[in-house]
Amino acid sequence: ASLHGVQVTGRAELVEPFSPAYLAHAEYKKLS
């Protein structure tokens, strides 16, 4: 009566260190 879960199929990508996307996520996580 209380099941909750999500299974995701997707595609992984390694984000280049210190690229704009990398730095944006670091900021999101509050990592300088």
mmCIF file of all heavy atoms, coordinates in Angstrom:
data_MODEL
# 
_entry.id   MODEL 
# 
loop_
_atom_site.group_PDB 
_atom_site.id 
_atom_site.type_symbol 
_atom_site.label_atom_id 
_atom_site.label_alt_id 
_atom_site.label_comp_id 
_atom_site.label_asym_id 
_atom_site.label_entity_id 
_atom_site.label_seq_id 
_atom_site.pdbx_PDB_ins_code 
_atom_site.Cartn_x 
_atom_site.Cartn_y 
_atom_site.Cartn_z 
_atom_site.occupancy 
_atom_site.B_iso_or_equiv 
_atom_site.pdbx_formal_charge 
_atom_site.auth_seq_id 
_atom_site.auth_comp_id 
_atom_site.auth_asym_id 
_atom_site.auth_atom_id 
_atom_site.pdbx_PDB_model_num 
ATOM 1   N N   . ALA A 1 1  ? 0.811  -1.219 0.000   1.00 0.00 ? 1  ALA A N   1 
ATOM 2   C CA  . ALA A 1 1  ? 0.000  0.000  0.000   1.00 0.00 ? 1  ALA A CA  1 
ATOM 3   C C   . ALA A 1 1  ? 0.847  1.272  0.000   1.00 0.00 ? 1  ALA A C   1 
ATOM 4   O O   . ALA A 1 1  ? 0.306  2.364  -0.144  1.00 0.00 ? 1  ALA A O   1 
ATOM 5   C CB  . ALA A 1 1  ? -0.925 0.000  1.217   1.00 0.00 ? 1  ALA A CB  1 
ATOM 6   N N   . SER A 1 2  ? 2.159  1.118  0.148   1.00 0.00 ? 2  SER A N   1 
ATOM 7   C CA  . SER A 1 2  ? 3.002  2.314  0.219   1.00 0.00 ? 2  SER A CA  1 
ATOM 8   C C   . SER A 1 2  ? 4.251  2.203  -0.665  1.00 0.00 ? 2  SER A C   1 
ATOM 9   O O   . SER A 1 2  ? 5.323  2.645  -0.287  1.00 0.00 ? 2  SER A O   1 
ATOM 10  C CB  . SER A 1 2  ? 3.411  2.578  1.664   1.00 0.00 ? 2  SER A CB  1 
ATOM 11  O OG  . SER A 1 2  ? 4.112  1.459  2.181   1.00 0.00 ? 2  SER A OG  1 
ATOM 12  N N   . LEU A 1 3  ? 4.084  1.635  -1.845  1.00 0.00 ? 3  LEU A N   1 
ATOM 13  C CA  . LEU A 1 3  ? 5.212  1.506  -2.767  1.00 0.00 ? 3  LEU A CA  1 
ATOM 14  C C   . LEU A 1 3  ? 5.508  2.839  -3.441  1.00 0.00 ? 3  LEU A C   1 
ATOM 15  O O   . LEU A 1 3  ? 4.596  3.523  -3.917  1.00 0.00 ? 3  LEU A O   1 
ATOM 16  C CB  . LEU A 1 3  ? 4.893  0.467  -3.851  1.00 0.00 ? 3  LEU A CB  1 
ATOM 17  C CG  . LEU A 1 3  ? 4.693  -0.968 -3.383  1.00 0.00 ? 3  LEU A CG  1 
ATOM 18  C CD1 . LEU A 1 3  ? 4.211  -1.826 -4.535  1.00 0.00 ? 3  LEU A CD1 1 
ATOM 19  C CD2 . LEU A 1 3  ? 5.967  -1.518 -2.794  1.00 0.00 ? 3  LEU A CD2 1 
ATOM 20  N N   . HIS A 1 4  ? 6.786  3.198  -3.493  1.00 0.00 ? 4  HIS A N   1 
ATOM 21  C CA  . HIS A 1 4  ? 7.234  4.400  -4.192  1.00 0.00 ? 4  HIS A CA  1 
ATOM 22  C C   . HIS A 1 4  ? 8.617  4.143  -4.761  1.00 0.00 ? 4  HIS A C   1 
ATOM 23  O O   . HIS A 1 4  ? 9.551  3.853  -4.010  1.00 0.00 ? 4  HIS A O   1 
ATOM 24  C CB  . HIS A 1 4  ? 7.305  5.613  -3.262  1.00 0.00 ? 4  HIS A CB  1 
ATOM 25  C CG  . HIS A 1 4  ? 5.980  6.055  -2.782  1.00 0.00 ? 4  HIS A CG  1 
ATOM 26  N ND1 . HIS A 1 4  ? 5.473  5.679  -1.560  1.00 0.00 ? 4  HIS A ND1 1 
ATOM 27  C CD2 . HIS A 1 4  ? 5.031  6.826  -3.358  1.00 0.00 ? 4  HIS A CD2 1 
ATOM 28  C CE1 . HIS A 1 4  ? 4.273  6.201  -1.405  1.00 0.00 ? 4  HIS A CE1 1 
ATOM 29  N NE2 . HIS A 1 4  ? 3.987  6.907  -2.478  1.00 0.00 ? 4  HIS A NE2 1 
ATOM 30  N N   . GLY A 1 5  ? 8.737  4.262  -6.057  1.00 0.00 ? 5  GLY A N   1 
ATOM 31  C CA  . GLY A 1 5  ? 10.037 4.092  -6.681  1.00 0.00 ? 5  GLY A CA  1 
ATOM 32  C C   . GLY A 1 5  ? 9.988  4.443  -8.155  1.00 0.00 ? 5  GLY A C   1 
ATOM 33  O O   . GLY A 1 5  ? 8.923  4.431  -8.776  1.00 0.00 ? 5  GLY A O   1 
ATOM 34  N N   . VAL A 1 6  ? 11.150 4.778  -8.697  1.00 0.00 ? 6  VAL A N   1 
ATOM 35  C CA  . VAL A 1 6  ? 11.287 5.119  -10.105 1.00 0.00 ? 6  VAL A CA  1 
ATOM 36  C C   . VAL A 1 6  ? 12.516 4.399  -10.637 1.00 0.00 ? 6  VAL A C   1 
ATOM 37  O O   . VAL A 1 6  ? 13.595 4.473  -10.039 1.00 0.00 ? 6  VAL A O   1 
ATOM 38  C CB  . VAL A 1 6  ? 11.442 6.641  -10.314 1.00 0.00 ? 6  VAL A CB  1 
ATOM 39  C CG1 . VAL A 1 6  ? 11.638 6.974  -11.781 1.00 0.00 ? 6  VAL A CG1 1 
ATOM 40  C CG2 . VAL A 1 6  ? 10.249 7.392  -9.741  1.00 0.00 ? 6  VAL A CG2 1 
ATOM 41  N N   . GLN A 1 7  ? 12.343 3.700  -11.738 1.00 0.00 ? 7  GLN A N   1 
ATOM 42  C CA  . GLN A 1 7  ? 13.459 3.065  -12.450 1.00 0.00 ? 7  GLN A CA  1 
ATOM 43  C C   . GLN A 1 7  ? 13.665 3.835  -13.740 1.00 0.00 ? 7  GLN A C   1 
ATOM 44  O O   . GLN A 1 7  ? 12.712 4.053  -14.491 1.00 0.00 ? 7  GLN A O   1 
ATOM 45  C CB  . GLN A 1 7  ? 13.143 1.604  -12.736 1.00 0.00 ? 7  GLN A CB  1 
ATOM 46  C CG  . GLN A 1 7  ? 14.248 0.899  -13.498 1.00 0.00 ? 7  GLN A CG  1 
ATOM 47  C CD  . GLN A 1 7  ? 13.943 -0.572 -13.652 1.00 0.00 ? 7  GLN A CD  1 
ATOM 48  O OE1 . GLN A 1 7  ? 13.942 -1.308 -12.673 1.00 0.00 ? 7  GLN A OE1 1 
ATOM 49  N NE2 . GLN A 1 7  ? 13.682 -0.988 -14.870 1.00 0.00 ? 7  GLN A NE2 1 
ATOM 50  N N   . VAL A 1 8  ? 14.891 4.250  -13.989 1.00 0.00 ? 8  VAL A N   1 
ATOM 51  C CA  . VAL A 1 8  ? 15.204 5.119  -15.117 1.00 0.00 ? 8  VAL A CA  1 
ATOM 52  C C   . VAL A 1 8  ? 16.169 4.428  -16.059 1.00 0.00 ? 8  VAL A C   1 
ATOM 53  O O   . VAL A 1 8  ? 17.203 3.902  -15.621 1.00 0.00 ? 8  VAL A O   1 
ATOM 54  C CB  . VAL A 1 8  ? 15.840 6.442  -14.621 1.00 0.00 ? 8  VAL A CB  1 
ATOM 55  C CG1 . VAL A 1 8  ? 16.200 7.344  -15.788 1.00 0.00 ? 8  VAL A CG1 1 
ATOM 56  C CG2 . VAL A 1 8  ? 14.919 7.142  -13.633 1.00 0.00 ? 8  VAL A CG2 1 
ATOM 57  N N   . THR A 1 9  ? 15.850 4.432  -17.331 1.00 0.00 ? 9  THR A N   1 
ATOM 58  C CA  . THR A 1 9  ? 16.773 3.990  -18.368 1.00 0.00 ? 9  THR A CA  1 
ATOM 59  C C   . THR A 1 9  ? 17.250 5.245  -19.075 1.00 0.00 ? 9  THR A C   1 
ATOM 60  O O   . THR A 1 9  ? 16.446 6.107  -19.424 1.00 0.00 ? 9  THR A O   1 
ATOM 61  C CB  . THR A 1 9  ? 16.056 3.061  -19.375 1.00 0.00 ? 9  THR A CB  1 
ATOM 62  O OG1 . THR A 1 9  ? 15.475 1.977  -18.645 1.00 0.00 ? 9  THR A OG1 1 
ATOM 63  C CG2 . THR A 1 9  ? 17.021 2.524  -20.401 1.00 0.00 ? 9  THR A CG2 1 
ATOM 64  N N   . GLY A 1 10 ? 18.551 5.363  -19.247 1.00 0.00 ? 10 GLY A N   1 
ATOM 65  C CA  . GLY A 1 10 ? 19.065 6.572  -19.868 1.00 0.00 ? 10 GLY A CA  1 
ATOM 66  C C   . GLY A 1 10 ? 20.462 6.405  -20.404 1.00 0.00 ? 10 GLY A C   1 
ATOM 67  O O   . GLY A 1 10 ? 20.986 5.297  -20.521 1.00 0.00 ? 10 GLY A O   1 
ATOM 68  N N   . ARG A 1 11 ? 21.039 7.545  -20.698 1.00 0.00 ? 11 ARG A N   1 
ATOM 69  C CA  . ARG A 1 11 ? 22.368 7.587  -21.297 1.00 0.00 ? 11 ARG A CA  1 
ATOM 70  C C   . ARG A 1 11 ? 23.251 8.499  -20.438 1.00 0.00 ? 11 ARG A C   1 
ATOM 71  O O   . ARG A 1 11 ? 22.887 9.633  -20.160 1.00 0.00 ? 11 ARG A O   1 
ATOM 72  C CB  . ARG A 1 11 ? 22.260 8.122  -22.715 1.00 0.00 ? 11 ARG A CB  1 
ATOM 73  C CG  . ARG A 1 11 ? 23.499 7.974  -23.520 1.00 0.00 ? 11 ARG A CG  1 
ATOM 74  C CD  . ARG A 1 11 ? 23.157 8.177  -25.009 1.00 0.00 ? 11 ARG A CD  1 
ATOM 75  N NE  . ARG A 1 11 ? 24.300 7.961  -25.842 1.00 0.00 ? 11 ARG A NE  1 
ATOM 76  C CZ  . ARG A 1 11 ? 24.715 6.776  -26.276 1.00 0.00 ? 11 ARG A CZ  1 
ATOM 77  N NH1 . ARG A 1 11 ? 24.040 5.699  -25.950 1.00 0.00 ? 11 ARG A NH1 1 
ATOM 78  N NH2 . ARG A 1 11 ? 25.780 6.670  -27.039 1.00 0.00 ? 11 ARG A NH2 1 
ATOM 79  N N   . ALA A 1 12 ? 24.407 7.972  -20.045 1.00 0.00 ? 12 ALA A N   1 
ATOM 80  C CA  . ALA A 1 12 ? 25.336 8.722  -19.210 1.00 0.00 ? 12 ALA A CA  1 
ATOM 81  C C   . ALA A 1 12 ? 26.346 9.469  -20.072 1.00 0.00 ? 12 ALA A C   1 
ATOM 82  O O   . ALA A 1 12 ? 26.712 9.032  -21.157 1.00 0.00 ? 12 ALA A O   1 
ATOM 83  C CB  . ALA A 1 12 ? 26.073 7.786  -18.261 1.00 0.00 ? 12 ALA A CB  1 
ATOM 84  N N   . GLU A 1 13 ? 26.770 10.583 -19.531 1.00 0.00 ? 13 GLU A N   1 
ATOM 85  C CA  . GLU A 1 13 ? 27.793 11.398 -20.176 1.00 0.00 ? 13 GLU A CA  1 
ATOM 86  C C   . GLU A 1 13 ? 28.737 11.868 -19.080 1.00 0.00 ? 13 GLU A C   1 
ATOM 87  O O   . GLU A 1 13 ? 28.294 12.245 -17.994 1.00 0.00 ? 13 GLU A O   1 
ATOM 88  C CB  . GLU A 1 13 ? 27.098 12.582 -20.856 1.00 0.00 ? 13 GLU A CB  1 
ATOM 89  C CG  . GLU A 1 13 ? 27.952 13.763 -21.116 1.00 0.00 ? 13 GLU A CG  1 
ATOM 90  C CD  . GLU A 1 13 ? 27.169 14.994 -21.557 1.00 0.00 ? 13 GLU A CD  1 
ATOM 91  O OE1 . GLU A 1 13 ? 25.987 15.146 -21.200 1.00 0.00 ? 13 GLU A OE1 1 
ATOM 92  O OE2 . GLU A 1 13 ? 27.770 15.807 -22.243 1.00 0.00 ? 13 GLU A OE2 1 
ATOM 93  N N   . LEU A 1 14 ? 30.025 11.819 -19.345 1.00 0.00 ? 14 LEU A N   1 
ATOM 94  C CA  . LEU A 1 14 ? 31.005 12.355 -18.413 1.00 0.00 ? 14 LEU A CA  1 
ATOM 95  C C   . LEU A 1 14 ? 31.222 13.819 -18.767 1.00 0.00 ? 14 LEU A C   1 
ATOM 96  O O   . LEU A 1 14 ? 31.553 14.148 -19.902 1.00 0.00 ? 14 LEU A O   1 
ATOM 97  C CB  . LEU A 1 14 ? 32.309 11.569 -18.485 1.00 0.00 ? 14 LEU A CB  1 
ATOM 98  C CG  . LEU A 1 14 ? 32.169 10.087 -18.118 1.00 0.00 ? 14 LEU A CG  1 
ATOM 99  C CD1 . LEU A 1 14 ? 33.487 9.360  -18.304 1.00 0.00 ? 14 LEU A CD1 1 
ATOM 100 C CD2 . LEU A 1 14 ? 31.661 9.936  -16.700 1.00 0.00 ? 14 LEU A CD2 1 
ATOM 101 N N   . VAL A 1 15 ? 30.996 14.680 -17.793 1.00 0.00 ? 15 VAL A N   1 
ATOM 102 C CA  . VAL A 1 15 ? 31.086 16.120 -18.009 1.00 0.00 ? 15 VAL A CA  1 
ATOM 103 C C   . VAL A 1 15 ? 32.533 16.554 -17.752 1.00 0.00 ? 15 VAL A C   1 
ATOM 104 O O   . VAL A 1 15 ? 33.108 16.246 -16.697 1.00 0.00 ? 15 VAL A O   1 
ATOM 105 C CB  . VAL A 1 15 ? 30.112 16.875 -17.081 1.00 0.00 ? 15 VAL A CB  1 
ATOM 106 C CG1 . VAL A 1 15 ? 30.228 18.380 -17.289 1.00 0.00 ? 15 VAL A CG1 1 
ATOM 107 C CG2 . VAL A 1 15 ? 28.679 16.397 -17.323 1.00 0.00 ? 15 VAL A CG2 1 
ATOM 108 N N   . GLU A 1 16 ? 33.083 17.246 -18.707 1.00 0.00 ? 16 GLU A N   1 
ATOM 109 C CA  . GLU A 1 16 ? 34.477 17.698 -18.626 1.00 0.00 ? 16 GLU A CA  1 
ATOM 110 C C   . GLU A 1 16 ? 34.691 18.549 -17.365 1.00 0.00 ? 16 GLU A C   1 
ATOM 111 O O   . GLU A 1 16 ? 33.936 19.499 -17.120 1.00 0.00 ? 16 GLU A O   1 
ATOM 112 C CB  . GLU A 1 16 ? 34.801 18.527 -19.870 1.00 0.00 ? 16 GLU A CB  1 
ATOM 113 C CG  . GLU A 1 16 ? 36.244 18.889 -20.015 1.00 0.00 ? 16 GLU A CG  1 
ATOM 114 C CD  . GLU A 1 16 ? 37.129 17.724 -20.425 1.00 0.00 ? 16 GLU A CD  1 
ATOM 115 O OE1 . GLU A 1 16 ? 36.639 16.780 -21.076 1.00 0.00 ? 16 GLU A OE1 1 
ATOM 116 O OE2 . GLU A 1 16 ? 38.318 17.761 -20.074 1.00 0.00 ? 16 GLU A OE2 1 
ATOM 117 N N   . PRO A 1 17 ? 35.724 18.210 -16.559 1.00 0.00 ? 17 PRO A N   1 
ATOM 118 C CA  . PRO A 1 17 ? 35.991 19.008 -15.362 1.00 0.00 ? 17 PRO A CA  1 
ATOM 119 C C   . PRO A 1 17 ? 36.204 20.490 -15.702 1.00 0.00 ? 17 PRO A C   1 
ATOM 120 O O   . PRO A 1 17 ? 36.887 20.824 -16.671 1.00 0.00 ? 17 PRO A O   1 
ATOM 121 C CB  . PRO A 1 17 ? 37.272 18.388 -14.794 1.00 0.00 ? 17 PRO A CB  1 
ATOM 122 C CG  . PRO A 1 17 ? 37.239 16.976 -15.284 1.00 0.00 ? 17 PRO A CG  1 
ATOM 123 C CD  . PRO A 1 17 ? 36.620 17.061 -16.665 1.00 0.00 ? 17 PRO A CD  1 
ATOM 124 N N   . PHE A 1 18 ? 35.559 21.317 -14.932 1.00 0.00 ? 18 PHE A N   1 
ATOM 125 C CA  . PHE A 1 18 ? 35.650 22.776 -15.009 1.00 0.00 ? 18 PHE A CA  1 
ATOM 126 C C   . PHE A 1 18 ? 35.061 23.372 -16.286 1.00 0.00 ? 18 PHE A C   1 
ATOM 127 O O   . PHE A 1 18 ? 35.269 24.540 -16.575 1.00 0.00 ? 18 PHE A O   1 
ATOM 128 C CB  . PHE A 1 18 ? 37.090 23.255 -14.747 1.00 0.00 ? 18 PHE A CB  1 
ATOM 129 C CG  . PHE A 1 18 ? 37.600 22.724 -13.436 1.00 0.00 ? 18 PHE A CG  1 
ATOM 130 C CD1 . PHE A 1 18 ? 38.498 21.672 -13.393 1.00 0.00 ? 18 PHE A CD1 1 
ATOM 131 C CD2 . PHE A 1 18 ? 37.137 23.243 -12.243 1.00 0.00 ? 18 PHE A CD2 1 
ATOM 132 C CE1 . PHE A 1 18 ? 38.929 21.147 -12.186 1.00 0.00 ? 18 PHE A CE1 1 
ATOM 133 C CE2 . PHE A 1 18 ? 37.567 22.736 -11.021 1.00 0.00 ? 18 PHE A CE2 1 
ATOM 134 C CZ  . PHE A 1 18 ? 38.464 21.681 -10.994 1.00 0.00 ? 18 PHE A CZ  1 
ATOM 135 N N   . SER A 1 19 ? 34.289 22.570 -17.009 1.00 0.00 ? 19 SER A N   1 
ATOM 136 C CA  . SER A 1 19 ? 33.523 23.095 -18.145 1.00 0.00 ? 19 SER A CA  1 
ATOM 137 C C   . SER A 1 19 ? 32.367 23.919 -17.582 1.00 0.00 ? 19 SER A C   1 
ATOM 138 O O   . SER A 1 19 ? 32.068 23.857 -16.376 1.00 0.00 ? 19 SER A O   1 
ATOM 139 C CB  . SER A 1 19 ? 32.985 21.943 -18.988 1.00 0.00 ? 19 SER A CB  1 
ATOM 140 O OG  . SER A 1 19 ? 32.020 21.203 -18.244 1.00 0.00 ? 19 SER A OG  1 
ATOM 141 N N   . PRO A 1 20 ? 31.676 24.701 -18.419 1.00 0.00 ? 20 PRO A N   1 
ATOM 142 C CA  . PRO A 1 20 ? 30.541 25.475 -17.909 1.00 0.00 ? 20 PRO A CA  1 
ATOM 143 C C   . PRO A 1 20 ? 29.475 24.611 -17.210 1.00 0.00 ? 20 PRO A C   1 
ATOM 144 O O   . PRO A 1 20 ? 28.969 24.994 -16.151 1.00 0.00 ? 20 PRO A O   1 
ATOM 145 C CB  . PRO A 1 20 ? 29.991 26.163 -19.157 1.00 0.00 ? 20 PRO A CB  1 
ATOM 146 C CG  . PRO A 1 20 ? 31.195 26.322 -20.037 1.00 0.00 ? 20 PRO A CG  1 
ATOM 147 C CD  . PRO A 1 20 ? 32.003 25.063 -19.803 1.00 0.00 ? 20 PRO A CD  1 
ATOM 148 N N   . ALA A 1 21 ? 29.150 23.441 -17.777 1.00 0.00 ? 21 ALA A N   1 
ATOM 149 C CA  . ALA A 1 21 ? 28.144 22.570 -17.150 1.00 0.00 ? 21 ALA A CA  1 
ATOM 150 C C   . ALA A 1 21 ? 28.651 22.037 -15.809 1.00 0.00 ? 21 ALA A C   1 
ATOM 151 O O   . ALA A 1 21 ? 27.896 21.954 -14.835 1.00 0.00 ? 21 ALA A O   1 
ATOM 152 C CB  . ALA A 1 21 ? 27.784 21.412 -18.082 1.00 0.00 ? 21 ALA A CB  1 
ATOM 153 N N   . TYR A 1 22 ? 29.921 21.685 -15.745 1.00 0.00 ? 22 TYR A N   1 
ATOM 154 C CA  . TYR A 1 22 ? 30.536 21.183 -14.514 1.00 0.00 ? 22 TYR A CA  1 
ATOM 155 C C   . TYR A 1 22 ? 30.474 22.259 -13.426 1.00 0.00 ? 22 TYR A C   1 
ATOM 156 O O   . TYR A 1 22 ? 30.053 21.997 -12.292 1.00 0.00 ? 22 TYR A O   1 
ATOM 157 C CB  . TYR A 1 22 ? 31.978 20.794 -14.820 1.00 0.00 ? 22 TYR A CB  1 
ATOM 158 C CG  . TYR A 1 22 ? 32.755 20.180 -13.683 1.00 0.00 ? 22 TYR A CG  1 
ATOM 159 C CD1 . TYR A 1 22 ? 32.891 18.797 -13.583 1.00 0.00 ? 22 TYR A CD1 1 
ATOM 160 C CD2 . TYR A 1 22 ? 33.401 20.958 -12.738 1.00 0.00 ? 22 TYR A CD2 1 
ATOM 161 C CE1 . TYR A 1 22 ? 33.632 18.215 -12.564 1.00 0.00 ? 22 TYR A CE1 1 
ATOM 162 C CE2 . TYR A 1 22 ? 34.148 20.396 -11.715 1.00 0.00 ? 22 TYR A CE2 1 
ATOM 163 C CZ  . TYR A 1 22 ? 34.259 19.023 -11.629 1.00 0.00 ? 22 TYR A CZ  1 
ATOM 164 O OH  . TYR A 1 22 ? 34.993 18.443 -10.618 1.00 0.00 ? 22 TYR A OH  1 
ATOM 165 N N   . LEU A 1 23 ? 30.883 23.463 -13.782 1.00 0.00 ? 23 LEU A N   1 
ATOM 166 C CA  . LEU A 1 23 ? 30.893 24.552 -12.799 1.00 0.00 ? 23 LEU A CA  1 
ATOM 167 C C   . LEU A 1 23 ? 29.482 24.950 -12.373 1.00 0.00 ? 23 LEU A C   1 
ATOM 168 O O   . LEU A 1 23 ? 29.256 25.287 -11.209 1.00 0.00 ? 23 LEU A O   1 
ATOM 169 C CB  . LEU A 1 23 ? 31.661 25.745 -13.358 1.00 0.00 ? 23 LEU A CB  1 
ATOM 170 C CG  . LEU A 1 23 ? 33.170 25.513 -13.520 1.00 0.00 ? 23 LEU A CG  1 
ATOM 171 C CD1 . LEU A 1 23 ? 33.812 26.688 -14.248 1.00 0.00 ? 23 LEU A CD1 1 
ATOM 172 C CD2 . LEU A 1 23 ? 33.844 25.253 -12.173 1.00 0.00 ? 23 LEU A CD2 1 
ATOM 173 N N   . ALA A 1 24 ? 28.538 24.891 -13.301 1.00 0.00 ? 24 ALA A N   1 
ATOM 174 C CA  . ALA A 1 24 ? 27.150 25.211 -12.945 1.00 0.00 ? 24 ALA A CA  1 
ATOM 175 C C   . ALA A 1 24 ? 26.612 24.194 -11.941 1.00 0.00 ? 24 ALA A C   1 
ATOM 176 O O   . ALA A 1 24 ? 25.917 24.567 -10.989 1.00 0.00 ? 24 ALA A O   1 
ATOM 177 C CB  . ALA A 1 24 ? 26.279 25.247 -14.200 1.00 0.00 ? 24 ALA A CB  1 
ATOM 178 N N   . HIS A 1 25 ? 26.931 22.911 -12.145 1.00 0.00 ? 25 HIS A N   1 
ATOM 179 C CA  . HIS A 1 25 ? 26.459 21.916 -11.175 1.00 0.00 ? 25 HIS A CA  1 
ATOM 180 C C   . HIS A 1 25 ? 27.187 22.071 -9.839  1.00 0.00 ? 25 HIS A C   1 
ATOM 181 O O   . HIS A 1 25 ? 26.574 21.915 -8.775  1.00 0.00 ? 25 HIS A O   1 
ATOM 182 C CB  . HIS A 1 25 ? 26.607 20.491 -11.705 1.00 0.00 ? 25 HIS A CB  1 
ATOM 183 C CG  . HIS A 1 25 ? 26.089 19.490 -10.730 1.00 0.00 ? 25 HIS A CG  1 
ATOM 184 N ND1 . HIS A 1 25 ? 24.760 19.425 -10.364 1.00 0.00 ? 25 HIS A ND1 1 
ATOM 185 C CD2 . HIS A 1 25 ? 26.723 18.563 -9.969  1.00 0.00 ? 25 HIS A CD2 1 
ATOM 186 C CE1 . HIS A 1 25 ? 24.592 18.490 -9.450  1.00 0.00 ? 25 HIS A CE1 1 
ATOM 187 N NE2 . HIS A 1 25 ? 25.774 17.954 -9.192  1.00 0.00 ? 25 HIS A NE2 1 
ATOM 188 N N   . ALA A 1 26 ? 28.476 22.377 -9.877  1.00 0.00 ? 26 ALA A N   1 
ATOM 189 C CA  . ALA A 1 26 ? 29.210 22.610 -8.632  1.00 0.00 ? 26 ALA A CA  1 
ATOM 190 C C   . ALA A 1 26 ? 28.561 23.757 -7.852  1.00 0.00 ? 26 ALA A C   1 
ATOM 191 O O   . ALA A 1 26 ? 28.385 23.654 -6.629  1.00 0.00 ? 26 ALA A O   1 
ATOM 192 C CB  . ALA A 1 26 ? 30.674 22.922 -8.938  1.00 0.00 ? 26 ALA A CB  1 
ATOM 193 N N   . GLU A 1 27 ? 28.182 24.804 -8.556  1.00 0.00 ? 27 GLU A N   1 
ATOM 194 C CA  . GLU A 1 27 ? 27.515 25.932 -7.893  1.00 0.00 ? 27 GLU A CA  1 
ATOM 195 C C   . GLU A 1 27 ? 26.176 25.483 -7.313  1.00 0.00 ? 27 GLU A C   1 
ATOM 196 O O   . GLU A 1 27 ? 25.818 25.851 -6.189  1.00 0.00 ? 27 GLU A O   1 
ATOM 197 C CB  . GLU A 1 27 ? 27.308 27.070 -8.894  1.00 0.00 ? 27 GLU A CB  1 
ATOM 198 C CG  . GLU A 1 27 ? 26.709 28.311 -8.266  1.00 0.00 ? 27 GLU A CG  1 
ATOM 199 C CD  . GLU A 1 27 ? 26.564 29.458 -9.255  1.00 0.00 ? 27 GLU A CD  1 
ATOM 200 O OE1 . GLU A 1 27 ? 27.412 29.599 -10.142 1.00 0.00 ? 27 GLU A OE1 1 
ATOM 201 O OE2 . GLU A 1 27 ? 25.562 30.206 -9.126  1.00 0.00 ? 27 GLU A OE2 1 
ATOM 202 N N   . TYR A 1 28 ? 25.428 24.668 -8.054  1.00 0.00 ? 28 TYR A N   1 
ATOM 203 C CA  . TYR A 1 28 ? 24.158 24.130 -7.574  1.00 0.00 ? 28 TYR A CA  1 
ATOM 204 C C   . TYR A 1 28 ? 24.367 23.363 -6.258  1.00 0.00 ? 28 TYR A C   1 
ATOM 205 O O   . TYR A 1 28 ? 23.552 23.436 -5.349  1.00 0.00 ? 28 TYR A O   1 
ATOM 206 C CB  . TYR A 1 28 ? 23.549 23.226 -8.650  1.00 0.00 ? 28 TYR A CB  1 
ATOM 207 C CG  . TYR A 1 28 ? 22.230 22.617 -8.275  1.00 0.00 ? 28 TYR A CG  1 
ATOM 208 C CD1 . TYR A 1 28 ? 21.035 23.276 -8.545  1.00 0.00 ? 28 TYR A CD1 1 
ATOM 209 C CD2 . TYR A 1 28 ? 22.164 21.369 -7.662  1.00 0.00 ? 28 TYR A CD2 1 
ATOM 210 C CE1 . TYR A 1 28 ? 19.810 22.714 -8.201  1.00 0.00 ? 28 TYR A CE1 1 
ATOM 211 C CE2 . TYR A 1 28 ? 20.954 20.804 -7.309  1.00 0.00 ? 28 TYR A CE2 1 
ATOM 212 C CZ  . TYR A 1 28 ? 19.776 21.479 -7.584  1.00 0.00 ? 28 TYR A CZ  1 
ATOM 213 O OH  . TYR A 1 28 ? 18.574 20.920 -7.238  1.00 0.00 ? 28 TYR A OH  1 
ATOM 214 N N   . LYS A 1 29 ? 25.481 22.633 -6.181  1.00 0.00 ? 29 LYS A N   1 
ATOM 215 C CA  . LYS A 1 29 ? 25.802 21.841 -4.980  1.00 0.00 ? 29 LYS A CA  1 
ATOM 216 C C   . LYS A 1 29 ? 26.545 22.670 -3.922  1.00 0.00 ? 29 LYS A C   1 
ATOM 217 O O   . LYS A 1 29 ? 26.943 22.138 -2.891  1.00 0.00 ? 29 LYS A O   1 
ATOM 218 C CB  . LYS A 1 29 ? 26.663 20.632 -5.366  1.00 0.00 ? 29 LYS A CB  1 
ATOM 219 C CG  . LYS A 1 29 ? 25.959 19.614 -6.233  1.00 0.00 ? 29 LYS A CG  1 
ATOM 220 C CD  . LYS A 1 29 ? 24.856 18.898 -5.515  1.00 0.00 ? 29 LYS A CD  1 
ATOM 221 C CE  . LYS A 1 29 ? 25.405 17.980 -4.466  1.00 0.00 ? 29 LYS A CE  1 
ATOM 222 N NZ  . LYS A 1 29 ? 24.375 17.297 -3.693  1.00 0.00 ? 29 LYS A NZ  1 
ATOM 223 N N   . LYS A 1 30 ? 26.745 23.934 -4.223  1.00 0.00 ? 30 LYS A N   1 
ATOM 224 C CA  . LYS A 1 30 ? 27.446 24.845 -3.310  1.00 0.00 ? 30 LYS A CA  1 
ATOM 225 C C   . LYS A 1 30 ? 28.899 24.411 -3.070  1.00 0.00 ? 30 LYS A C   1 
ATOM 226 O O   . LYS A 1 30 ? 29.419 24.495 -1.947  1.00 0.00 ? 30 LYS A O   1 
ATOM 227 C CB  . LYS A 1 30 ? 26.682 25.011 -2.005  1.00 0.00 ? 30 LYS A CB  1 
ATOM 228 C CG  . LYS A 1 30 ? 25.306 25.635 -2.226  1.00 0.00 ? 30 LYS A CG  1 
ATOM 229 C CD  . LYS A 1 30 ? 24.573 25.842 -0.922  1.00 0.00 ? 30 LYS A CD  1 
ATOM 230 C CE  . LYS A 1 30 ? 23.213 26.456 -1.028  1.00 0.00 ? 30 LYS A CE  1 
ATOM 231 N NZ  . LYS A 1 30 ? 22.523 26.580 -2.239  1.00 0.00 ? 30 LYS A NZ  1 
ATOM 232 N N   . LEU A 1 31 ? 29.538 23.954 -4.133  1.00 0.00 ? 31 LEU A N   1 
ATOM 233 C CA  . LEU A 1 31 ? 30.949 23.585 -4.097  1.00 0.00 ? 31 LEU A CA  1 
ATOM 234 C C   . LEU A 1 31 ? 31.720 24.635 -4.898  1.00 0.00 ? 31 LEU A C   1 
ATOM 235 O O   . LEU A 1 31 ? 31.446 24.836 -6.083  1.00 0.00 ? 31 LEU A O   1 
ATOM 236 C CB  . LEU A 1 31 ? 31.177 22.206 -4.718  1.00 0.00 ? 31 LEU A CB  1 
ATOM 237 C CG  . LEU A 1 31 ? 30.495 21.033 -4.039  1.00 0.00 ? 31 LEU A CG  1 
ATOM 238 C CD1 . LEU A 1 31 ? 30.645 19.770 -4.864  1.00 0.00 ? 31 LEU A CD1 1 
ATOM 239 C CD2 . LEU A 1 31 ? 31.073 20.824 -2.647  1.00 0.00 ? 31 LEU A CD2 1 
ATOM 240 N N   . SER A 1 32 ? 32.665 25.267 -4.265  1.00 0.00 ? 32 SER A N   1 
ATOM 241 C CA  . SER A 1 32 ? 33.407 26.321 -4.964  1.00 0.00 ? 32 SER A CA  1 
ATOM 242 C C   . SER A 1 32 ? 34.441 25.712 -5.910  1.00 0.00 ? 32 SER A C   1 
ATOM 243 O O   . SER A 1 32 ? 34.939 24.598 -5.695  1.00 0.00 ? 32 SER A O   1 
ATOM 244 C CB  . SER A 1 32 ? 34.108 27.233 -3.963  1.00 0.00 ? 32 SER A CB  1 
ATOM 245 O OG  . SER A 1 32 ? 35.200 26.557 -3.369  1.00 0.00 ? 32 SER A OG  1 
# 
